[in-house]
Amino acid sequence: MLNLRIDDFMVELKDGAIKNVGPSNKTGSAKLFDVESAEVREFGDKRVKLVFEDDEGNEVQVALFPEKVRKIASDIERLEDDSPVFE
């Protein structure tokens, strides 16, 4: 299941084209639940891409610099040691 939330978002649809309407102060978030596959790969010369997909074909891609990936890996290791989630 893909959940999208976009705040202060308005577009204009005219002749099949989508155009931003209003100021550029929009924010958004995406949440993907029930992930069926997860993949990690290089992205360019300096980043790592995490790709998550559910069984409906919804996909979320996140490109991170190595220091952020290391932080996430460290957090996962800590959870494995301390959290009942991994039992």
Protein backbone atom coordinates (compact mmCIF):
# COMPACT_ATOMS: atom_id res chain seq x y z
CA MET A 1 0.00 0.00 0.00
CA LEU A 2 1.37 3.40 -1.00
CA ASN A 3 0.33 6.39 1.05
CA LEU A 4 1.06 9.86 -0.36
CA ARG A 5 0.55 13.10 1.48
CA ILE A 6 1.14 16.39 -0.28
CA ASP A 7 0.49 19.64 1.57
CA ASP A 8 -0.49 22.93 -0.07
CA PHE A 9 -0.65 21.21 -3.44
CA MET A 10 -2.64 22.51 -6.35
CA VAL A 11 -2.18 21.83 -10.05
CA GLU A 12 -3.93 22.90 -13.18
CA LEU A 13 -4.77 20.36 -15.85
CA LYS A 14 -5.12 21.97 -19.25
CA ASP A 15 -4.97 20.26 -22.65
CA GLY A 16 -3.47 17.15 -21.04
CA ALA A 17 -0.63 19.02 -19.35
CA ILE A 18 -0.17 19.42 -15.61
CA LYS A 19 1.00 22.83 -14.39
CA ASN A 20 1.90 23.94 -10.88
CA VAL A 21 -0.50 26.52 -9.47
CA GLY A 22 0.40 28.79 -6.58
CA PRO A 23 3.60 29.20 -4.59
CA SER A 24 6.37 26.62 -4.47
CA ASN A 25 6.02 25.94 -0.73
CA LYS A 26 4.67 22.41 -1.16
CA THR A 27 5.81 19.54 1.05
CA GLY A 28 5.13 15.87 0.82
CA SER A 29 5.75 12.45 2.27
CA ALA A 30 5.44 8.92 0.91
CA LYS A 31 4.94 5.74 2.94
CA LEU A 32 5.09 2.25 1.52
CA PHE A 33 3.64 -0.57 3.60
CA ASP A 34 3.72 -4.34 3.05
CA VAL A 35 7.02 -4.21 1.17
CA GLU A 36 7.60 -7.37 -0.87
CA SER A 37 11.10 -6.61 -2.15
CA ALA A 38 14.00 -4.38 -1.13
CA GLU A 39 17.16 -3.72 -3.09
CA VAL A 40 20.36 -1.74 -2.53
CA ARG A 41 22.58 -0.54 -5.38
CA GLU A 42 25.05 2.15 -6.34
CA PHE A 43 23.59 5.41 -7.58
CA GLY A 44 26.09 7.49 -9.49
CA ASP A 45 29.58 7.90 -8.06
CA LYS A 46 28.67 9.05 -4.56
CA ARG A 47 25.35 7.66 -3.43
CA VAL A 48 23.54 4.46 -2.58
CA LYS A 49 19.99 3.82 -3.79
CA LEU A 50 17.47 1.89 -1.70
CA VAL A 51 14.51 0.57 -3.70
CA PHE A 52 11.37 -0.82 -2.05
CA GLU A 53 8.39 -2.33 -3.87
CA ASP A 54 5.08 -3.78 -2.71
CA ASP A 55 3.05 -6.54 -4.36
CA GLU A 56 0.91 -3.99 -6.19
CA GLY A 57 3.91 -2.55 -8.07
CA ASN A 58 4.16 0.63 -6.00
CA GLU A 59 7.79 1.63 -5.60
CA VAL A 60 9.77 4.04 -3.46
CA GLN A 61 13.39 4.90 -4.25
CA VAL A 62 15.71 6.73 -1.86
CA ALA A 63 19.23 7.90 -2.75
CA LEU A 64 21.52 8.49 0.22
CA PHE A 65 25.14 9.47 0.77
CA PRO A 66 27.28 6.74 2.38
CA GLU A 67 27.35 8.36 5.84
CA LYS A 68 23.54 8.20 6.03
CA VAL A 69 23.58 4.55 4.91
CA ARG A 70 26.14 3.72 7.59
CA LYS A 71 23.93 5.41 10.21
CA ILE A 72 20.92 3.36 9.12
CA ALA A 73 22.97 0.14 9.16
CA SER A 74 24.15 0.98 12.68
CA ASP A 75 20.58 1.67 13.80
CA ILE A 76 19.45 -1.69 12.40
CA GLU A 77 22.26 -3.52 14.21
CA ARG A 78 21.24 -1.82 17.47
CA LEU A 79 17.62 -2.87 16.94
CA GLU A 80 18.70 -6.45 16.28
CA ASP A 81 20.45 -6.46 19.65
CA ASP A 82 17.82 -4.61 21.70
CA SER A 83 14.39 -4.94 20.10
CA PRO A 84 11.91 -7.83 20.36
CA VAL A 85 11.04 -7.16 16.72
CA PHE A 86 13.96 -9.38 15.65
CA GLU A 87 13.15 -12.26 18.02
